[in-house]
Protein backbone atom coordinates (compact mmCIF):
# COMPACT_ATOMS: atom_id res chain seq x y z
CA UNK A 1 0.03 -0.03 0.18
CA UNK A 2 1.28 3.15 -1.12
CA UNK A 3 0.33 6.99 -0.03
CA UNK A 4 1.07 9.34 -3.06
CA UNK A 5 0.03 13.00 -3.27
CA UNK A 6 -0.33 12.08 -7.45
CA UNK A 7 1.49 13.87 -10.36
CA UNK A 8 0.95 17.50 -10.27
CA UNK A 9 3.66 19.81 -9.94
CA UNK A 10 3.48 23.48 -9.29
CA UNK A 11 0.12 25.94 -8.97
CA UNK A 12 -0.48 29.63 -9.77
CA UNK A 13 0.23 31.74 -7.07
CA UNK A 14 -2.96 33.10 -6.82
CA UNK A 15 -5.01 29.61 -6.61
CA UNK A 16 -5.59 29.01 -2.71
CA UNK A 17 -4.08 25.91 -1.08
CA UNK A 18 -4.47 24.61 2.62
CA UNK A 19 -1.40 26.56 4.08
CA UNK A 20 2.44 26.12 4.65
CA UNK A 21 4.38 24.47 7.63
CA UNK A 22 7.83 26.61 7.65
CA UNK A 23 10.52 24.51 8.76
CA UNK A 24 14.44 24.77 9.67
CA UNK A 25 16.69 22.03 10.95
CA UNK A 26 20.16 22.20 12.49
CA UNK A 27 21.64 18.92 12.07
CA UNK A 28 25.31 17.68 13.11
CA UNK A 29 26.23 16.79 9.75
CA UNK A 30 25.10 16.78 6.19
CA UNK A 31 24.43 13.08 5.53
CA UNK A 32 20.68 12.08 6.50
CA UNK A 33 20.56 8.74 8.24
CA UNK A 34 24.11 9.46 9.62
CA UNK A 35 23.96 12.68 10.96
CA UNK A 36 21.29 13.86 13.25
CA UNK A 37 18.82 16.49 14.02
CA UNK A 38 20.17 19.13 16.70
CA UNK A 39 17.30 21.31 16.78
CA UNK A 40 14.05 21.77 15.01
CA UNK A 41 11.84 24.41 14.40
CA UNK A 42 8.12 24.23 12.34
CA UNK A 43 5.38 26.91 12.31
CA UNK A 44 2.11 26.19 10.84
CA UNK A 45 0.84 28.98 8.71
CA UNK A 46 -2.42 29.94 7.25
CA UNK A 47 -2.27 29.91 3.21
CA UNK A 48 -2.08 33.67 3.35
CA UNK A 49 1.34 33.68 5.75
CA UNK A 50 -0.11 34.03 9.18
CA UNK A 51 1.59 32.17 12.35
CA UNK A 52 -1.32 29.49 13.40
CA UNK A 53 0.68 27.04 15.51
CA UNK A 54 4.47 26.20 16.20
CA UNK A 55 7.07 24.00 17.53
CA UNK A 56 10.54 24.32 18.69
CA UNK A 57 12.98 21.96 20.46
CA UNK A 58 16.75 21.32 21.13
CA UNK A 59 17.23 17.83 20.49
CA UNK A 60 19.54 15.28 22.15
CA UNK A 61 20.81 13.40 18.85
CA UNK A 62 22.75 10.76 20.87
CA UNK A 63 26.02 11.71 18.64
CA UNK A 64 28.39 14.57 18.47
CA UNK A 65 26.33 17.57 17.61
CA UNK A 66 28.60 18.33 14.69
CA UNK A 67 29.66 21.85 13.56
CA UNK A 68 29.01 23.83 17.05
CA UNK A 69 30.79 26.86 15.19
CA UNK A 70 27.96 27.12 12.90
CA UNK A 71 24.89 26.07 14.86
CA UNK A 72 26.35 26.85 18.65
CA UNK A 73 25.23 23.86 20.17
CA UNK A 74 27.23 22.00 22.49
CA UNK A 75 26.93 18.17 23.48
CA UNK A 76 26.59 19.66 27.13
CA UNK A 77 23.47 22.06 25.77
CA UNK A 78 22.03 18.89 24.20
CA UNK A 79 22.53 16.67 27.17
CA UNK A 80 19.23 15.55 28.42
CA UNK A 81 17.32 17.43 25.94
CA UNK A 82 14.06 15.57 24.20
CA UNK A 83 15.04 12.79 21.66
CA UNK A 84 13.24 13.47 18.15
CA UNK A 85 10.81 10.90 18.98
CA UNK A 86 9.53 12.85 21.96
CA UNK A 87 8.66 15.85 19.62
CA UNK A 88 7.60 13.98 16.47
CA UNK A 89 3.85 13.71 17.46
CA UNK A 90 3.88 17.36 17.96
CA UNK A 91 5.90 17.69 14.58
CA UNK A 92 2.84 15.73 13.06
CA UNK A 93 0.20 18.31 14.27
CA UNK A 94 1.98 21.14 12.70
CA UNK A 95 2.86 19.38 9.66
CA UNK A 96 -0.75 17.57 9.05
CA UNK A 97 -2.75 19.22 5.86
CA UNK A 98 -0.49 21.86 5.04
CA UNK A 99 2.75 21.90 2.50
CA UNK A 100 5.86 21.97 4.12
CA UNK A 101 8.32 24.95 3.31
CA UNK A 102 11.98 25.34 3.57
CA UNK A 103 14.90 27.21 2.21
CA UNK A 104 16.39 24.25 0.43
CA UNK A 105 13.72 22.03 1.35
CA UNK A 106 15.40 19.15 -0.19
CA UNK A 107 17.88 19.24 2.84
CA UNK A 108 15.29 19.41 5.53
CA UNK A 109 13.07 17.12 4.19
CA UNK A 110 15.36 14.44 3.99
CA UNK A 111 16.50 14.82 7.76
CA UNK A 112 13.22 14.98 8.84
CA UNK A 113 11.89 11.78 7.13
CA UNK A 114 15.22 10.01 8.32
CA UNK A 115 14.52 11.05 11.57
CA UNK A 116 10.95 9.91 11.37
CA UNK A 117 11.47 6.70 10.03
CA UNK A 118 14.23 5.74 12.64
CA UNK A 119 11.37 6.19 15.38
CA UNK A 120 8.69 4.04 12.74
CA UNK A 121 6.73 7.27 12.33
CA UNK A 122 4.74 8.99 9.23
CA UNK A 123 5.19 12.46 8.34
CA UNK A 124 1.67 13.26 7.02
CA UNK A 125 3.65 15.37 4.25
CA UNK A 126 2.29 15.50 0.65
CA UNK A 127 4.04 18.23 -0.81
CA UNK A 128 6.97 20.65 -0.41
CA UNK A 129 8.04 24.10 -1.70
CA UNK A 130 11.49 25.15 -1.80
CA UNK A 131 11.99 29.11 -1.19
CA UNK A 132 15.21 28.98 -3.07
CA UNK A 133 13.47 28.19 -6.05
CA UNK A 134 10.54 30.63 -5.41
CA UNK A 135 12.89 33.46 -5.09
CA UNK A 136 14.53 32.51 -8.01
CA UNK A 137 11.25 33.03 -10.29
CA UNK A 138 10.93 36.00 -8.64
CA UNK A 139 13.97 37.93 -10.57
CA UNK A 140 14.78 40.13 -7.70
CA UNK A 141 18.33 41.04 -8.67
CA UNK A 142 20.15 40.10 -5.76
CA UNK A 143 23.81 38.65 -5.63
CA UNK A 144 22.41 35.51 -3.95
CA UNK A 145 19.38 33.94 -2.58
CA UNK A 146 21.03 33.08 0.69
CA UNK A 147 18.17 33.29 3.60
CA UNK A 148 20.05 36.53 5.16
CA UNK A 149 20.10 38.01 1.86
CA UNK A 150 16.39 38.03 1.22
CA UNK A 151 16.06 38.65 4.70
CA UNK A 152 17.63 42.25 3.98
CA UNK A 153 16.06 42.72 1.04
CA UNK A 154 12.41 42.47 2.45
CA UNK A 155 13.32 44.35 5.78
CA UNK A 156 13.47 41.37 8.14
CA UNK A 157 15.76 41.18 11.09
CA UNK A 158 17.68 38.20 11.33
CA UNK A 159 18.95 37.85 15.29
CA UNK A 160 20.62 34.74 15.25
CA UNK A 161 21.54 33.20 11.94
CA UNK A 162 21.64 29.22 11.94
CA UNK A 163 19.41 29.01 14.98
CA UNK A 164 16.22 26.86 13.94
CA UNK A 165 13.71 29.11 15.36
CA UNK A 166 14.94 32.38 14.39
CA UNK A 167 15.57 31.06 10.86
CA UNK A 168 11.91 29.44 10.71
CA UNK A 169 10.30 32.87 11.57
CA UNK A 170 12.77 35.11 9.37
CA UNK A 171 11.66 32.43 6.50
CA UNK A 172 7.64 32.84 7.71
CA UNK A 173 8.21 36.77 7.40
CA UNK A 174 9.67 36.66 4.31
CA UNK A 175 7.20 34.16 2.95
CA UNK A 176 4.32 36.46 3.06
CA UNK A 177 5.73 39.24 0.66
CA UNK A 178 7.02 36.51 -1.55
CA UNK A 179 3.82 35.23 -1.95
CA UNK A 180 2.32 38.48 -2.79
CA UNK A 181 5.04 39.11 -5.42
CA UNK A 182 4.67 36.02 -6.76
CA UNK A 183 0.98 36.49 -7.47
CA UNK A 184 1.73 39.81 -8.90
CA UNK A 185 3.89 38.42 -11.64
CA UNK A 186 1.68 35.77 -12.13
CA UNK A 187 4.28 33.06 -11.06
CA UNK A 188 3.56 29.85 -10.57
CA UNK A 189 4.82 28.53 -6.87
CA UNK A 190 7.21 25.35 -6.74
CA UNK A 191 4.60 23.07 -4.54
CA UNK A 192 6.18 19.51 -5.44
CA UNK A 193 4.23 16.25 -4.72
CA UNK A 194 6.32 13.74 -1.94
CA UNK A 195 5.49 10.28 -1.43
CA UNK A 196 5.54 7.90 1.52
CA UNK A 197 5.01 4.04 1.38
CA UNK A 198 3.65 1.78 3.93
CA UNK A 199 5.11 -1.78 3.77
CA UNK A 200 3.51 -5.26 4.61
CA UNK A 201 5.76 -5.15 8.08
CA UNK A 202 4.26 -1.77 8.77
CA UNK A 203 6.92 0.27 8.74
CA UNK A 204 6.78 3.44 6.66
CA UNK A 205 9.23 5.06 4.41
CA UNK A 206 9.44 8.46 2.61
CA UNK A 207 10.30 8.71 -0.87
CA UNK A 208 13.95 10.73 -1.68
CA UNK A 209 12.52 14.67 -2.57
CA UNK A 210 14.29 14.98 -6.20
CA UNK A 211 14.27 18.16 -8.22
CA UNK A 212 11.42 18.14 -11.13
CA UNK A 213 13.69 18.54 -13.89
CA UNK A 214 15.50 15.09 -12.74
CA UNK A 215 12.57 13.31 -13.14
CA UNK A 216 10.63 15.18 -15.71
CA UNK A 217 12.49 13.57 -18.83
CA UNK A 218 11.50 10.07 -17.58
CA UNK A 219 7.93 10.99 -16.74
CA UNK A 220 5.61 9.27 -19.57
CA UNK A 221 3.24 11.61 -21.16
CA UNK A 222 -0.17 10.22 -21.81
CA UNK A 223 -0.56 11.62 -25.34
CA UNK A 224 1.05 10.61 -28.62
CA UNK A 225 3.26 13.05 -30.07
CA UNK A 226 1.59 14.78 -32.98
CA UNK A 227 4.67 16.17 -34.67
CA UNK A 228 6.13 19.54 -34.67
CA UNK A 229 4.81 22.73 -33.64
CA UNK A 230 3.61 24.94 -36.19
CA UNK A 231 3.56 28.59 -36.07
CA UNK A 232 0.30 30.06 -36.37
CA UNK A 233 -1.41 26.91 -34.67
CA UNK A 234 -2.11 25.92 -31.18
CA UNK A 235 0.25 23.91 -29.01
CA UNK A 236 -1.10 19.99 -28.88
CA UNK A 237 -1.04 17.71 -25.96
CA UNK A 238 1.78 15.39 -26.57
CA UNK A 239 4.52 17.35 -28.15
CA UNK A 240 7.60 17.04 -26.91
CA UNK A 241 9.39 20.28 -25.98
CA UNK A 242 12.77 21.27 -24.99
CA UNK A 243 14.02 24.45 -22.86
CA UNK A 244 17.40 26.18 -23.87
CA UNK A 245 19.56 27.88 -21.61
CA UNK A 246 18.22 31.34 -23.02
CA UNK A 247 14.99 31.81 -21.34
CA UNK A 248 13.56 34.41 -19.01
CA UNK A 249 11.79 31.77 -16.46
CA UNK A 250 13.39 29.08 -14.41
CA UNK A 251 13.80 26.10 -16.31
CA UNK A 252 11.90 24.42 -13.33
CA UNK A 253 8.77 26.48 -13.77
CA UNK A 254 8.48 26.13 -17.41
CA UNK A 255 8.87 22.21 -16.86
CA UNK A 256 6.17 22.86 -14.29
CA UNK A 257 3.54 24.39 -16.79
CA UNK A 258 4.49 21.76 -19.89
CA UNK A 259 3.84 19.15 -17.69
CA UNK A 260 0.59 20.69 -16.32
CA UNK A 261 -0.56 21.13 -20.25
CA UNK A 262 -0.02 17.67 -21.05
CA UNK A 263 3.18 18.35 -23.18
CA UNK A 264 6.17 16.18 -22.68
CA UNK A 265 9.68 17.68 -21.61
CA UNK A 266 12.79 16.20 -23.31
CA UNK A 267 16.40 17.19 -22.72
CA UNK A 268 17.38 16.35 -26.27
CA UNK A 269 17.07 18.06 -29.33
CA UNK A 270 16.43 15.41 -32.14
CA UNK A 271 13.86 14.36 -34.90
CA UNK A 272 11.32 13.50 -32.42
CA UNK A 273 11.23 16.96 -30.90
CA UNK A 274 8.25 19.50 -31.41
CA UNK A 275 9.52 22.71 -30.31
CA UNK A 276 12.39 24.22 -28.33
CA UNK A 277 11.87 27.19 -26.21
CA UNK A 278 14.73 30.36 -26.63
CA UNK A 279 14.63 33.55 -26.31
CA UNK A 280 17.41 34.25 -28.40
CA UNK A 281 16.40 34.62 -32.32
CA UNK A 282 20.00 33.76 -33.26
CA UNK A 283 21.30 31.24 -30.88
CA UNK A 284 25.05 30.22 -31.69
CA UNK A 285 25.36 27.27 -29.29
CA UNK A 286 22.87 25.20 -27.32
CA UNK A 287 19.57 23.45 -28.02
CA UNK A 288 18.24 26.86 -29.71
CA UNK A 289 21.15 26.24 -32.06
CA UNK A 290 20.52 22.39 -32.85
CA UNK A 291 17.04 23.12 -33.26
CA UNK A 292 18.04 24.75 -36.72
CA UNK A 293 20.03 21.60 -37.85
CA UNK A 294 16.90 19.52 -37.23
CA UNK A 295 14.30 21.61 -38.59
CA UNK A 296 12.76 21.73 -34.88
CA UNK A 297 10.89 25.74 -34.51
CA UNK A 298 11.78 27.77 -31.60
CA UNK A 299 9.33 29.97 -29.55
CA UNK A 300 10.24 32.81 -27.23
CA UNK A 301 9.35 31.80 -23.39
CA UNK A 302 6.99 34.56 -22.98
CA UNK A 303 5.05 33.72 -26.26
CA UNK A 304 5.43 29.98 -25.18
CA UNK A 305 3.71 30.66 -22.20
CA UNK A 306 0.46 32.57 -23.84
CA UNK A 307 0.24 29.22 -25.90
CA UNK A 308 0.03 27.21 -22.71
CA UNK A 309 -3.32 28.89 -22.24
CA UNK A 310 -4.90 27.47 -25.65
CA UNK A 311 -3.36 23.87 -25.69
CA UNK A 312 -5.60 21.50 -27.57
CA UNK A 313 -6.47 18.01 -26.67
CA UNK A 314 -4.04 15.38 -28.13
CA UNK A 315 -4.75 11.47 -28.75
CA UNK A 316 -4.28 9.44 -25.54
CA UNK A 317 -1.65 6.86 -26.21
CA UNK A 318 -3.84 3.71 -25.54
CA UNK A 319 -6.40 5.45 -28.40
CA UNK A 320 -3.75 4.75 -31.10
CA UNK A 321 -3.46 1.28 -30.75
CA UNK A 322 -6.42 -0.48 -32.73
CA UNK A 323 -7.05 -4.12 -33.00
CA UNK A 324 -5.93 -5.04 -36.82
CA UNK A 325 -8.47 -6.79 -39.18
CA UNK A 326 -5.74 -9.79 -39.95
CA UNK A 327 -4.26 -11.46 -36.77
CA UNK A 328 -3.33 -10.13 -33.83
CA UNK A 329 -1.03 -7.25 -34.67
CA UNK A 330 -1.77 -3.65 -33.45
CA UNK A 331 -1.48 -0.78 -36.27
CA UNK A 332 -0.39 2.41 -34.91
CA UNK A 333 -2.47 5.62 -36.49
């Protein structure tokens, strides 16, 4: 038996959700399952970013606390503190029904799930969102997207960097204006599904969170490829779309939109590619350049996004298989 959140990636910023759970963990190292969490903070937020409940605790990891110079926590400070299993019940209540949000969410999510599995607990998380990717989509013109840089940009005071509670509170304060800006710019939120599995012996495992682009090219498309895109005509579900480096949106956001529209994402340009999204009218390298060699049309990212509003239905793959009148072979139309 398995629990999954479906295959939808991302959603428009103006579409309502069920709320957020902003989390931050400090750890004894960088490898989940080997290093341990030494402090955890989680804030339950409404969909518009107001805090509704919270959890914060130092944790006794049972191992050396690791980089004390980073998180400021010593073995003496952590001795006698709760173990993860002592607080996981309260953590579950903060997470339940909400999208887990973190700055570099893959890191925090992987540590939380590793700790949960060690105490045979199930985290009720079906979706996660990374605020690094969300900030990247807003094109803020900053030197970097570190939490302290975003805090300064939005006028949020950071009292104690690398303290789980302070980092979570700073991120929660940043999230509110970031969500507003995303709505104003009609961006999609990088809300990604995650899944977990219940095994016959009752053990719960949480599947690893992997970036969308690493998965998208291998995701099956439900529609047959109708061929190349023709200027002046709409996109058709099943078309294979590649992205050049020269685009004005993050690849992650464009891939979300591609999959949501029923198109197929491809990382290669060949004779089966329907379209390459490229903002450079005369590219001298990369996928935009390769498109010319294969006779594949290109389209700017802004125009491509407009076309996504009028994608027409494709032919489901199973509809293309028909029993031949002679013998048991199948004919593809």
